C-alpha atoms as a PDB file:
ATOM      1  CA  MET A   1     -27.187 -51.532  13.356  1.00  0.00           C
ATOM      2  CA  THR A   2     -27.518 -51.319  16.813  1.00  0.00           C
ATOM      3  CA  CYS A   3     -29.814 -48.495  18.478  1.00  0.00           C
ATOM      4  CA  GLN A   4     -26.405 -46.899  19.663  1.00  0.00           C
ATOM      5  CA  HIS A   5     -25.648 -46.665  16.182  1.00  0.00           C
ATOM      6  CA  SER A   6     -29.064 -46.084  14.888  1.00  0.00           C
ATOM      7  CA  ALA A   7     -29.902 -42.783  17.362  1.00  0.00           C
ATOM      8  CA  ALA A   8     -25.869 -41.677  15.875  1.00  0.00           C
ATOM      9  CA  PHE A   9     -27.103 -41.480  12.392  1.00  0.00           C
ATOM     10  CA  ALA A  10     -30.314 -39.935  13.432  1.00  0.00           C
ATOM     11  CA  ALA A  11     -28.418 -37.269  15.053  1.00  0.00           C
ATOM     12  CA  SER A  12     -26.063 -36.771  12.357  1.00  0.00           C
ATOM     13  CA  ALA A  13     -29.111 -36.044   9.643  1.00  0.00           C
ATOM     14  CA  LEU A  14     -31.694 -34.490  11.622  1.00  0.00           C
ATOM     15  CA  LEU A  15     -28.282 -31.641  12.360  1.00  0.00           C
ATOM     16  CA  LEU A  16     -27.216 -31.523   8.594  1.00  0.00           C
ATOM     17  CA  ALA A  17     -31.007 -30.946   8.226  1.00  0.00           C
ATOM     18  CA  CYS A  18     -30.782 -27.959  10.075  1.00  0.00           C
ATOM     19  CA  SER A  19     -27.890 -26.619   8.451  1.00  0.00           C
ATOM     20  CA  VAL A  20     -29.260 -26.772   5.147  1.00  0.00           C
ATOM     21  CA  ASP A  21     -31.781 -25.550   5.974  1.00  0.00           C
ATOM     22  CA  THR A  22     -30.527 -22.181   7.868  1.00  0.00           C
ATOM     23  CA  PRO A  23     -30.811 -19.189   5.868  1.00  0.00           C
ATOM     24  CA  LEU A  24     -27.745 -16.986   5.878  1.00  0.00           C
ATOM     25  CA  GLU A  25     -29.464 -14.314   4.639  1.00  0.00           C
ATOM     26  CA  GLY A  26     -27.781 -11.401   7.030  1.00  0.00           C
ATOM     27  CA  LYS A  27     -25.161 -13.330   8.038  1.00  0.00           C
ATOM     28  CA  ARG A  28     -21.570 -12.068   8.298  1.00  0.00           C
ATOM     29  CA  CYS A  29     -19.378 -12.230   4.974  1.00  0.00           C
ATOM     30  CA  PRO A  30     -17.951 -14.761   3.903  1.00  0.00           C
ATOM     31  CA  CYS A  31     -20.556 -16.480   2.330  1.00  0.00           C
ATOM     32  CA  ILE A  32     -21.315 -19.971   0.933  1.00  0.00           C
ATOM     33  CA  ASP A  33     -22.469 -20.791  -2.647  1.00  0.00           C
ATOM     34  CA  GLY A  34     -26.075 -19.334  -4.265  1.00  0.00           C
ATOM     35  CA  TYR A  35     -24.817 -16.228  -1.433  1.00  0.00           C
ATOM     36  CA  ILE A  36     -22.542 -12.715  -2.391  1.00  0.00           C
ATOM     37  CA  CYS A  37     -21.452 -11.073   0.041  1.00  0.00           C
ATOM     38  CA  ASN A  38     -23.132  -7.186   0.181  1.00  0.00           C
ATOM     39  CA  PRO A  39     -20.472  -4.946   0.846  1.00  0.00           C
ATOM     40  CA  ALA A  40     -21.989  -2.110   2.109  1.00  0.00           C
ATOM     41  CA  THR A  41     -22.955  -4.204   5.747  1.00  0.00           C
ATOM     42  CA  ASN A  42     -20.272  -7.144   5.006  1.00  0.00           C
ATOM     43  CA  THR A  43     -23.797  -9.753   5.599  1.00  0.00           C
ATOM     44  CA  CYS A  44     -25.101 -12.315   2.628  1.00  0.00           C
ATOM     45  CA  VAL A  45     -27.619 -12.248   0.542  1.00  0.00           C
ATOM     46  CA  GLU A  46     -28.769 -14.642  -1.716  1.00  0.00           C
ATOM     47  CA  ARG A  47     -27.073 -14.359  -5.309  1.00  0.00           C
ATOM     48  CA  THR A  48     -30.733 -14.915  -6.841  1.00  0.00           C
ATOM     49  CA  GLY A  49     -31.821 -11.721  -4.677  1.00  0.00           C
ATOM     50  CA  ALA A  50     -31.788  -7.678  -5.665  1.00  0.00           C
ATOM     51  CA  MET A  51     -28.361  -5.709  -4.347  1.00  0.00           C
ATOM     52  CA  PRO A  52     -29.452  -3.150  -1.594  1.00  0.00           C
ATOM     53  CA  ALA A  53     -29.379  -0.146  -3.549  1.00  0.00           C
ATOM     54  CA  PRO A  54     -25.707   1.311  -4.024  1.00  0.00           C
ATOM     55  CA  SER A  55     -25.036   4.218  -2.943  1.00  0.00           C
ATOM     56  CA  THR A  56     -26.312   7.904  -4.878  1.00  0.00           C
ATOM     57  CA  LEU A  57     -24.224  10.012  -2.574  1.00  0.00           C
ATOM     58  CA  LEU A  58     -20.836   9.134  -3.802  1.00  0.00           C
ATOM     59  CA  GLY A  59     -19.591   7.460  -7.029  1.00  0.00           C
ATOM     60  CA  VAL A  60     -15.915   6.095  -7.331  1.00  0.00           C
ATOM     61  CA  ALA A  61     -14.732   5.064 -11.476  1.00  0.00           C
ATOM     62  CA  ASP A  62     -10.679   4.483 -12.901  1.00  0.00           C
ATOM     63  CA  PHE A  63     -10.083   1.999  -9.879  1.00  0.00           C
ATOM     64  CA  GLN A  64      -7.091   0.085 -11.799  1.00  0.00           C
ATOM     65  CA  ALA A  65      -3.616  -1.589 -10.581  1.00  0.00           C
ATOM     66  CA  ALA A  66      -1.172   0.986 -11.839  1.00  0.00           C
ATOM     67  CA  TRP A  67       1.683  -1.266 -10.908  1.00  0.00           C
ATOM     68  CA  ALA A  68       2.657  -4.131  -8.976  1.00  0.00           C
ATOM     69  CA  THR A  69       5.988  -5.448  -7.394  1.00  0.00           C
ATOM     70  CA  PRO A  70       6.298  -9.106  -5.936  1.00  0.00           C
ATOM     71  CA  ASN A  71       4.374  -8.098  -2.753  1.00  0.00           C
ATOM     72  CA  GLN A  72       2.343  -5.079  -3.238  1.00  0.00           C
ATOM     73  CA  VAL A  73       0.419  -3.366  -5.769  1.00  0.00           C
ATOM     74  CA  PHE A  74      -0.068   0.113  -5.783  1.00  0.00           C
ATOM     75  CA  TRP A  75      -3.979   0.972  -6.327  1.00  0.00           C
ATOM     76  CA  THR A  76      -5.786   4.253  -8.335  1.00  0.00           C
ATOM     77  CA  TRP A  77      -9.082   5.450  -8.920  1.00  0.00           C
ATOM     78  CA  THR A  78     -11.601   8.687  -9.221  1.00  0.00           C
ATOM     79  CA  SER A  79     -14.189   9.740  -7.214  1.00  0.00           C
ATOM     80  CA  ASP A  80     -16.951  11.842  -6.956  1.00  0.00           C
ATOM     81  CA  GLY A  81     -19.419  13.576  -4.394  1.00  0.00           C
ATOM     82  CA  ALA A  82     -19.048  15.632  -1.252  1.00  0.00           C
ATOM     83  CA  LYS A  83     -16.942  15.200   1.612  1.00  0.00           C
ATOM     84  CA  GLU A  84     -18.943  15.897   4.735  1.00  0.00           C
ATOM     85  CA  ASP A  85     -20.804  12.401   2.888  1.00  0.00           C
ATOM     86  CA  PHE A  86     -17.740  10.795   3.047  1.00  0.00           C
ATOM     87  CA  ALA A  87     -16.823   7.254   5.697  1.00  0.00           C
ATOM     88  CA  ARG A  88     -14.641   5.316   4.202  1.00  0.00           C
ATOM     89  CA  TYR A  89     -12.361   3.539   2.066  1.00  0.00           C
ATOM     90  CA  GLU A  90     -12.387  -0.028   1.654  1.00  0.00           C
ATOM     91  CA  VAL A  91      -9.989  -1.846  -0.781  1.00  0.00           C
ATOM     92  CA  TRP A  92     -11.031  -5.986  -1.174  1.00  0.00           C
ATOM     93  CA  ILE A  93      -8.479  -8.374  -3.147  1.00  0.00           C
ATOM     94  CA  ALA A  94      -9.307 -12.402  -3.780  1.00  0.00           C
ATOM     95  CA  THR A  95      -7.420 -14.369  -6.102  1.00  0.00           C
ATOM     96  CA  SER A  96     -10.733 -15.253  -8.094  1.00  0.00           C
ATOM     97  CA  GLU A  97     -13.632 -13.167  -8.828  1.00  0.00           C
ATOM     98  CA  GLY A  98     -16.303 -16.045  -7.335  1.00  0.00           C
ATOM     99  CA  ASP A  99     -14.110 -15.057  -3.951  1.00  0.00           C
ATOM    100  CA  LEU A 100     -14.479 -12.189  -4.611  1.00  0.00           C
ATOM    101  CA  LEU A 101     -17.766 -12.152  -4.366  1.00  0.00           C
ATOM    102  CA  ALA A 102     -18.760 -13.986  -1.476  1.00  0.00           C
ATOM    103  CA  GLY A 103     -16.841 -11.279   0.466  1.00  0.00           C
ATOM    104  CA  LYS A 104     -14.118 -14.242   1.198  1.00  0.00           C
ATOM    105  CA  VAL A 105     -11.432 -11.757   0.535  1.00  0.00           C
ATOM    106  CA  THR A 106      -8.402  -9.708   2.192  1.00  0.00           C
ATOM    107  CA  ARG A 107     -10.257  -6.011   3.309  1.00  0.00           C
ATOM    108  CA  ILE A 108      -7.852  -3.241   3.228  1.00  0.00           C
ATOM    109  CA  GLY A 109      -9.193  -0.039   5.569  1.00  0.00           C
ATOM    110  CA  PRO A 110      -8.745   2.878   7.319  1.00  0.00           C
ATOM    111  CA  GLU A 111      -7.083   0.828  10.298  1.00  0.00           C
ATOM    112  CA  VAL A 112      -4.066  -0.780   8.607  1.00  0.00           C
ATOM    113  CA  ASN A 113      -3.978   2.010   4.994  1.00  0.00           C
ATOM    114  CA  PRO A 114      -4.807   5.147   6.988  1.00  0.00           C
ATOM    115  CA  GLU A 115      -4.967   7.250   3.405  1.00  0.00           C
ATOM    116  CA  LEU A 116      -8.985   5.034   3.423  1.00  0.00           C
ATOM    117  CA  GLY A 117     -10.308   7.404   5.878  1.00  0.00           C
ATOM    118  CA  ARG A 118     -10.763   9.759   3.992  1.00  0.00           C
ATOM    119  CA  TYR A 119     -11.808  11.852   1.668  1.00  0.00           C
ATOM    120  CA  THR A 120      -8.584  14.332   0.153  1.00  0.00           C
ATOM    121  CA  LEU A 121      -5.331  14.033   1.794  1.00  0.00           C
ATOM    122  CA  PRO A 122      -3.997  16.493   4.992  1.00  0.00           C
ATOM    123  CA  ARG A 123      -0.603  19.433   4.373  1.00  0.00           C
ATOM    124  CA  THR A 124      -0.781  19.522   0.817  1.00  0.00           C
ATOM    125  CA  GLY A 125      -0.335  22.564  -0.399  1.00  0.00           C
ATOM    126  CA  ALA A 126      -2.764  25.213  -0.673  1.00  0.00           C
ATOM    127  CA  ALA A 127      -5.562  23.318  -2.834  1.00  0.00           C
ATOM    128  CA  GLU A 128      -7.418  19.296  -1.372  1.00  0.00           C
ATOM    129  CA  ASP A 129      -6.125  16.962  -3.101  1.00  0.00           C
ATOM    130  CA  PHE A 130      -8.433  14.261  -3.078  1.00  0.00           C
ATOM    131  CA  VAL A 131      -7.214  10.311  -2.119  1.00  0.00           C
ATOM    132  CA  ARG A 132      -6.767   8.297  -5.460  1.00  0.00           C
ATOM    133  CA  ALA A 133      -4.591   6.132  -4.457  1.00  0.00           C
ATOM    134  CA  THR A 134      -3.481   3.587  -2.027  1.00  0.00           C
ATOM    135  CA  LEU A 135      -0.615   0.451  -1.941  1.00  0.00           C
ATOM    136  CA  THR A 136      -1.390  -2.636  -0.997  1.00  0.00           C
ATOM    137  CA  ASP A 137       1.020  -5.023   0.576  1.00  0.00           C
ATOM    138  CA  GLY A 138       1.241  -8.683   2.201  1.00  0.00           C
ATOM    139  CA  LEU A 139       0.937 -10.139  -1.354  1.00  0.00           C
ATOM    140  CA  ALA A 140       2.886 -13.594  -3.050  1.00  0.00           C
ATOM    141  CA  PRO A 141       4.686 -13.000  -6.552  1.00  0.00           C
ATOM    142  CA  ASP A 142       3.904 -14.178  -9.125  1.00  0.00           C
ATOM    143  CA  THR A 143       0.434 -14.420  -8.361  1.00  0.00           C
ATOM    144  CA  PRO A 144      -2.678 -13.809  -9.843  1.00  0.00           C
ATOM    145  CA  TYR A 145      -5.285 -10.681  -7.726  1.00  0.00           C
ATOM    146  CA  VAL A 146      -8.966  -9.572  -8.231  1.00  0.00           C
ATOM    147  CA  ALA A 147      -9.568  -6.171  -6.036  1.00  0.00           C
ATOM    148  CA  GLN A 148     -12.868  -4.260  -5.897  1.00  0.00           C
ATOM    149  CA  LEU A 149     -12.958  -0.202  -4.447  1.00  0.00           C
ATOM    150  CA  VAL A 150     -16.072   0.165  -1.662  1.00  0.00           C
ATOM    151  CA  ALA A 151     -16.867   3.773  -0.587  1.00  0.00           C
ATOM    152  CA  VAL A 152     -18.919   4.161   2.226  1.00  0.00           C
ATOM    153  CA  ASP A 153     -20.629   6.668   2.731  1.00  0.00           C
ATOM    154  CA  ARG A 154     -21.826   8.450   5.776  1.00  0.00           C
ATOM    155  CA  VAL A 155     -25.130   6.813   6.233  1.00  0.00           C
ATOM    156  CA  GLY A 156     -23.689   3.188   5.136  1.00  0.00           C
ATOM    157  CA  SER A 157     -24.424   2.292   1.172  1.00  0.00           C
ATOM    158  CA  ALA A 158     -22.042   2.339  -0.689  1.00  0.00           C
ATOM    159  CA  ALA A 159     -20.499   2.827  -4.354  1.00  0.00           C
ATOM    160  CA  LEU A 160     -18.608  -0.515  -5.265  1.00  0.00           C
ATOM    161  CA  SER A 161     -16.087   0.246  -8.595  1.00  0.00           C
ATOM    162  CA  ASP A 162     -15.411  -3.011 -11.409  1.00  0.00           C
ATOM    163  CA  VAL A 163     -13.343  -5.115 -10.817  1.00  0.00           C
ATOM    164  CA  ALA A 164      -9.414  -4.999 -11.631  1.00  0.00           C
ATOM    165  CA  LEU A 165      -6.894  -7.628 -12.307  1.00  0.00           C
ATOM    166  CA  ILE A 166      -3.177  -7.962 -12.250  1.00  0.00           C
ATOM    167  CA  THR A 167      -0.579 -10.686 -11.785  1.00  0.00           C
ATOM    168  CA  THR A 168       2.127  -9.608  -9.048  1.00  0.00           C
ATOM    169  CA  SER A 169       5.376 -10.034 -10.456  1.00  0.00           C
ATOM    170  CA  LEU A 170       8.378 -12.972  -9.747  1.00  0.00           C
ATOM    171  CA  GLU A 171      10.414 -13.338  -7.108  1.00  0.00           C
ATOM    172  CA  PRO A 172      13.595 -11.313  -7.546  1.00  0.00           C
ATOM    173  CA  VAL A 173      16.958 -13.256  -7.957  1.00  0.00           C
ATOM    174  CA  VAL A 174      18.916  -9.534  -7.910  1.00  0.00           C
ATOM    175  CA  ASP A 175      19.809  -7.271  -5.223  1.00  0.00           C
ATOM    176  CA  VAL A 176      21.885  -4.208  -5.129  1.00  0.00           C
ATOM    177  CA  PRO A 177      22.401  -2.048  -1.576  1.00  0.00           C
ATOM    178  CA  LEU A 178      21.875   1.209  -1.081  1.00  0.00           C
ATOM    179  CA  PHE A 179      22.200   1.344   2.836  1.00  0.00           C
ATOM    180  CA  ALA A 180      23.395  -2.165   3.762  1.00  0.00           C
ATOM    181  CA  ASP A 181      25.694  -3.448   6.585  1.00  0.00           C
ATOM    182  CA  ALA A 182      27.406  -5.404   3.946  1.00  0.00           C
ATOM    183  CA  ALA A 183      27.648  -2.639   1.537  1.00  0.00           C
ATOM    184  CA  PRO A 184      28.766   0.747   2.866  1.00  0.00           C
ATOM    185  CA  ALA A 185      29.327   2.345  -0.058  1.00  0.00           C
ATOM    186  CA  TRP A 186      26.733   5.659   0.974  1.00  0.00           C
ATOM    187  CA  THR A 187      27.063   9.117   2.548  1.00  0.00           C
ATOM    188  CA  VAL A 188      24.655  10.844   5.159  1.00  0.00           C
ATOM    189  CA  PRO A 189      24.408  14.276   5.558  1.00  0.00           C
ATOM    190  CA  ASP A 190      25.278  15.295   9.547  1.00  0.00           C
ATOM    191  CA  CYS A 191      21.860  15.801  10.634  1.00  0.00           C
ATOM    192  CA  VAL A 192      21.217  11.920  10.155  1.00  0.00           C
ATOM    193  CA  GLN A 193      23.087   9.274  12.860  1.00  0.00           C
ATOM    194  CA  THR A 194      23.547   5.749  11.954  1.00  0.00           C
ATOM    195  CA  THR A 195      22.453   3.435  14.826  1.00  0.00           C
ATOM    196  CA  ALA A 196      22.333  -0.070  16.553  1.00  0.00           C
ATOM    197  CA  GLN A 197      18.997   0.561  18.201  1.00  0.00           C
ATOM    198  CA  MET A 198      15.861  -0.694  17.090  1.00  0.00           C
ATOM    199  CA  SER A 199      17.287  -1.257  12.888  1.00  0.00           C
ATOM    200  CA  PHE A 200      14.586  -3.463  11.297  1.00  0.00           C
ATOM    201  CA  SER A 201      17.900  -5.432  10.111  1.00  0.00           C
ATOM    202  CA  GLY A 202      21.458  -5.876  10.218  1.00  0.00           C
ATOM    203  CA  SER A 203      23.351  -3.883  12.705  1.00  0.00           C
ATOM    204  CA  SER A 204      22.328  -0.247  11.940  1.00  0.00           C
ATOM    205  CA  HIS A 205      19.805   2.207  10.265  1.00  0.00           C
ATOM    206  CA  LEU A 206      19.186   5.110   9.500  1.00  0.00           C
ATOM    207  CA  GLN A 207      17.999   7.782  11.718  1.00  0.00           C
ATOM    208  CA  TYR A 208      16.647  11.313  11.910  1.00  0.00           C
ATOM    209  CA  THR A 209      14.723  13.642  14.465  1.00  0.00           C
ATOM    210  CA  VAL A 210      13.214  16.068  12.220  1.00  0.00           C
ATOM    211  CA  GLN A 211      14.640  19.709  14.124  1.00  0.00           C
ATOM    212  CA  CYS A 212      12.043  22.236  11.622  1.00  0.00           C
ATOM    213  CA  SER A 213      15.149  24.273  12.344  1.00  0.00           C
ATOM    214  CA  ASP A 214      16.717  24.330   8.748  1.00  0.00           C
ATOM    215  CA  ASP A 215      19.486  22.221  10.439  1.00  0.00           C
ATOM    216  CA  GLY A 216      20.282  20.789   6.317  1.00  0.00           C
ATOM    217  CA  CYS A 217      17.642  18.257   6.322  1.00  0.00           C
ATOM    218  CA  SER A 218      14.482  20.809   6.781  1.00  0.00           C
ATOM    219  CA  PRO A 219      12.955  24.135   7.278  1.00  0.00           C
ATOM    220  CA  GLY A 220      11.665  25.542  10.062  1.00  0.00           C
ATOM    221  CA  GLY A 221       8.404  25.679  11.735  1.00  0.00           C
ATOM    222  CA  PRO A 222       6.482  23.915  13.879  1.00  0.00           C
ATOM    223  CA  THR A 223       5.732  21.519  10.673  1.00  0.00           C
ATOM    224  CA  CYS A 224       8.036  20.586   7.742  1.00  0.00           C
ATOM    225  CA  TRP A 225       8.812  18.308   5.172  1.00  0.00           C
ATOM    226  CA  SER A 226      11.676  16.108   5.858  1.00  0.00           C
ATOM    227  CA  ALA A 227      13.215  13.608   3.190  1.00  0.00           C
ATOM    228  CA  PRO A 228      16.786  14.239   4.039  1.00  0.00           C
ATOM    229  CA  SER A 229      19.088  12.906   0.474  1.00  0.00           C
ATOM    230  CA  ILE A 230      21.481   9.972   1.439  1.00  0.00           C
ATOM    231  CA  ALA A 231      24.210   9.681  -1.397  1.00  0.00           C
ATOM    232  CA  TYR A 232      24.495   6.148  -1.982  1.00  0.00           C
ATOM    233  CA  ASP A 233      27.216   4.395  -4.846  1.00  0.00           C
ATOM    234  CA  ALA A 234      25.997   0.988  -6.441  1.00  0.00           C
ATOM    235  CA  ASP A 235      26.821  -0.526 -10.061  1.00  0.00           C
ATOM    236  CA  PHE A 236      22.899  -1.251 -11.786  1.00  0.00           C
ATOM    237  CA  SER A 237      25.444  -2.502 -14.829  1.00  0.00           C
ATOM    238  CA  GLY A 238      23.766  -6.030 -15.168  1.00  0.00           C
ATOM    239  CA  LEU A 239      20.045  -3.653 -15.200  1.00  0.00           C
ATOM    240  CA  GLY A 240      18.925  -3.884 -18.280  1.00  0.00           C
ATOM    241  CA  PRO A 241      15.221  -2.739 -20.749  1.00  0.00           C
ATOM    242  CA  GLY A 242      14.428  -6.393 -20.155  1.00  0.00           C
ATOM    243  CA  THR A 243      14.633  -6.322 -16.614  1.00  0.00           C
ATOM    244  CA  PHE A 244      14.131  -3.177 -15.861  1.00  0.00           C
ATOM    245  CA  GLY A 245      10.150  -3.781 -16.309  1.00  0.00           C
ATOM    246  CA  ASP A 246      10.324  -5.518 -12.535  1.00  0.00           C
ATOM    247  CA  ALA A 247      12.909  -3.938 -10.514  1.00  0.00           C
ATOM    248  CA  PHE A 248      11.870  -1.611  -8.023  1.00  0.00           C
ATOM    249  CA  LEU A 249      13.207   0.036  -4.584  1.00  0.00           C
ATOM    250  CA  GLU A 250      12.365  -1.763  -1.345  1.00  0.00           C
ATOM    251  CA  PHE A 251      12.988   0.300   1.698  1.00  0.00           C
ATOM    252  CA  ALA A 252      11.950  -0.475   5.103  1.00  0.00           C
ATOM    253  CA  MET A 253      11.136   1.993   6.786  1.00  0.00           C
ATOM    254  CA  ALA A 254       9.007   3.047  11.020  1.00  0.00           C
ATOM    255  CA  ILE A 255       7.935   7.102  11.512  1.00  0.00           C
ATOM    256  CA  ASP A 256       7.368   7.732  15.394  1.00  0.00           C
ATOM    257  CA  ALA A 257       5.311  10.838  15.429  1.00  0.00           C
ATOM    258  CA  THR A 258       1.591  12.541  15.384  1.00  0.00           C
ATOM    259  CA  SER A 259       0.287  12.334  12.061  1.00  0.00           C
ATOM    260  CA  HIS A 260       0.875  10.132   9.103  1.00  0.00           C
ATOM    261  CA  ILE A 261       2.806  11.046   6.160  1.00  0.00           C
ATOM    262  CA  TYR A 262      -0.238  11.533   3.583  1.00  0.00           C
ATOM    263  CA  TRP A 263       2.174  12.835   1.283  1.00  0.00           C
ATOM    264  CA  GLY A 264       4.824  10.659   0.548  1.00  0.00           C
ATOM    265  CA  ALA A 265       8.016  11.269  -1.261  1.00  0.00           C
ATOM    266  CA  LEU A 266      10.571   8.840  -3.120  1.00  0.00           C
ATOM    267  CA  VAL A 267      13.038  10.964  -4.920  1.00  0.00           C
ATOM    268  CA  LEU A 268      16.343   9.617  -6.886  1.00  0.00           C
ATOM    269  CA  SER A 269      18.111  12.310  -7.591  1.00  0.00           C
ATOM    270  CA  GLY A 270      21.370  13.566  -9.097  1.00  0.00           C
ATOM    271  CA  PRO A 271      23.127  14.370 -11.966  1.00  0.00           C
ATOM    272  CA  GLY A 272      21.176  13.048 -15.087  1.00  0.00           C
ATOM    273  CA  GLY A 273      17.335  14.939 -13.125  1.00  0.00           C
ATOM    274  CA  ALA A 274      15.354  14.496 -10.239  1.00  0.00           C
ATOM    275  CA  PHE A 275      12.949  11.156 -10.676  1.00  0.00           C
ATOM    276  CA  SER A 276      10.069  10.562  -7.598  1.00  0.00           C
ATOM    277  CA  THR A 277       7.163   8.583  -7.079  1.00  0.00           C
ATOM    278  CA  GLU A 278       3.113   9.183  -6.886  1.00  0.00           C
ATOM    279  CA  PRO A 279       2.523  10.583  -3.509  1.00  0.00           C
ATOM    280  CA  VAL A 280       2.786   7.582  -0.492  1.00  0.00           C
ATOM    281  CA  THR A 281       0.970   7.270   2.842  1.00  0.00           C
ATOM    282  CA  TYR A 282       4.016   7.044   4.657  1.00  0.00           C
ATOM    283  CA  ARG A 283       2.143   5.355   8.468  1.00  0.00           C
ATOM    284  CA  ALA A 284       3.531   6.136  11.510  1.00  0.00           C
ATOM    285  CA  ASP A 285       3.227   4.204  14.425  1.00  0.00           C
ATOM    286  CA  GLY A 286       6.597   3.298  15.034  1.00  0.00           C
ATOM    287  CA  LYS A 287       6.704   0.617  13.672  1.00  0.00           C
ATOM    288  CA  TYR A 288       8.711  -0.950  10.639  1.00  0.00           C
ATOM    289  CA  ARG A 289       6.156  -1.620   7.311  1.00  0.00           C
ATOM    290  CA  VAL A 290       8.672  -2.276   4.482  1.00  0.00           C
ATOM    291  CA  TYR A 291       7.552  -0.508   0.765  1.00  0.00           C
ATOM    292  CA  GLN A 292       7.946  -2.236  -2.647  1.00  0.00           C
ATOM    293  CA  ILE A 293       7.637   1.039  -5.412  1.00  0.00           C
ATOM    294  CA  ALA A 294       8.503  -0.074  -8.828  1.00  0.00           C
ATOM    295  CA  LEU A 295      11.163   1.879 -10.677  1.00  0.00           C
ATOM    296  CA  ARG A 296       8.860   2.630 -13.617  1.00  0.00           C
ATOM    297  CA  ALA A 297       6.718   4.193 -11.401  1.00  0.00           C
ATOM    298  CA  LEU A 298       9.173   6.977 -11.528  1.00  0.00           C
ATOM    299  CA  HIS A 299       9.410  10.468 -13.769  1.00  0.00           C
ATOM    300  CA  ASP A 300      10.348  13.396 -13.359  1.00  0.00           C
ATOM    301  CA  ALA A 301       8.750  16.722 -14.905  1.00  0.00           C
ATOM    302  CA  ASN A 302       8.700  15.063 -19.069  1.00  0.00           C
ATOM    303  CA  ARG A 303       9.468  11.455 -18.793  1.00  0.00           C
ATOM    304  CA  GLN A 304       9.704   7.899 -16.813  1.00  0.00           C
ATOM    305  CA  LEU A 305      12.398   6.651 -15.201  1.00  0.00           C
ATOM    306  CA  THR A 306      14.555   4.779 -17.675  1.00  0.00           C
ATOM    307  CA  HIS A 307      17.061   1.334 -16.784  1.00  0.00           C
ATOM    308  CA  ALA A 308      19.442   3.914 -18.569  1.00  0.00           C
ATOM    309  CA  ASP A 309      19.354   6.670 -16.402  1.00  0.00           C
ATOM    310  CA  LEU A 310      19.884   4.302 -13.341  1.00  0.00           C
ATOM    311  CA  SER A 311      22.901   1.848 -15.331  1.00  0.00           C
ATOM    312  CA  THR A 312      24.873   5.454 -16.290  1.00  0.00           C
ATOM    313  CA  ALA A 313      27.772   5.589 -13.894  1.00  0.00           C
ATOM    314  CA  GLY A 314      27.164   9.365 -12.097  1.00  0.00           C
ATOM    315  CA  GLU A 315      23.555   9.834 -13.475  1.00  0.00           C
ATOM    316  CA  LEU A 316      21.734   9.260  -9.601  1.00  0.00           C
ATOM    317  CA  THR A 317      23.854   9.339  -7.045  1.00  0.00           C
ATOM    318  CA  GLY A 318      21.537   9.602  -4.144  1.00  0.00           C
ATOM    319  CA  PHE A 319      17.647   8.450  -2.312  1.00  0.00           C
ATOM    320  CA  ALA A 320      14.971  10.472   0.012  1.00  0.00           C
ATOM    321  CA  MET A 321      11.783   9.204   1.487  1.00  0.00           C
ATOM    322  CA  GLY A 322       9.727  11.364   3.759  1.00  0.00           C
ATOM    323  CA  GLY A 323       7.639  14.122   3.526  1.00  0.00           C
ATOM    324  CA  VAL A 324       5.786  16.399   6.329  1.00  0.00           C
ATOM    325  CA  LEU A 325       6.103  16.103   9.624  1.00  0.00           C
ATOM    326  CA  PRO A 326       5.183  17.900  13.378  1.00  0.00           C
ATOM    327  CA  GLN A 327       8.775  18.989  15.124  1.00  0.00           C
ATOM    328  CA  GLY A 328      10.159  15.745  17.117  1.00  0.00           C
ATOM    329  CA  SER A 329       9.154  13.424  14.479  1.00  0.00           C
ATOM    330  CA  VAL A 330      11.297  10.382  14.289  1.00  0.00           C
ATOM    331  CA  GLN A 331      12.141   8.754  10.976  1.00  0.00           C
ATOM    332  CA  ARG A 332      14.330   5.457  10.382  1.00  0.00           C
ATOM    333  CA  LEU A 333      15.478   3.632   7.146  1.00  0.00           C
ATOM    334  CA  ASP A 334      16.755   0.651   6.851  1.00  0.00           C
ATOM    335  CA  GLY A 335      17.507  -2.000   4.510  1.00  0.00           C
ATOM    336  CA  VAL A 336      17.111  -0.001   1.074  1.00  0.00           C
ATOM    337  CA  ARG A 337      18.395  -1.848  -2.088  1.00  0.00           C
ATOM    338  CA  VAL A 338      16.796  -2.028  -5.909  1.00  0.00           C
ATOM    339  CA  ARG A 339      15.656  -5.499  -7.044  1.00  0.00           C
ATOM    340  CA  TRP A 340      14.911  -7.816  -9.548  1.00  0.00           C
END
């Protein structure tokens, strides 16, 4: 071995020794083997050591995946504590429990889903309604995921939920358009425009400027309920009981407004009744976001939606998405379709 090679070998050995001996305690997540991530501080602690004490101010329970589509999961939970002690929620998502423990996760917080920065939902009526659900996106079809809810309190401690597991549904092979350029079998009220500017896909989209003036789409007031109903004509005869479980409604929505829709509605209606989901937050940052809502999540006061409600001609003939918005806000809707 030459002196040059000996020096290089010695330097490499020294670097390796330094990397092994360098402690990771207190370093930011994700962590290597032997360490786990403390979600309260986003730092690594030794797996053999004790985790910092959990929050004594907040509690979370019953964290679970209520339903999944190919690319999204709707998570639900219950919470305990006082609003003034709350700082934020985060949902940590990974493809294995090992990655979840090590902090090798996708972290969804208020920066992505604004409802996670609130303990109660605003503008929901006379009584306060606790934030108890969130819809996460960006997932791969037919893939198992594990997740954990982290509730951070005002002093920086965290309450952790149990780990929830879910597998996303298969990539769809059938599309039934409700609003799309290729199948314009829809009818809009006078207050909704069909315009070619700022479409999500294709050459046109639906657009409504919130008037809050009893214009047929919204009542009067500085803020008002804005969810114009769009009539459609679609054939769901190919949707049977064996495929209904994976069927979902997909749409792209963009909202220009000074506040988000924290109690977002999705309604399918017609002579057969009106079926809606649990509230979803619609982000108001002017950018399109694609939402996927499992059809089996829709219900009326007495029962869940079934494949027969859709496949029976004339039973359900309209859809509406929206919620409370300030006057002058703009809603854009595009690419509305049922897929399975």
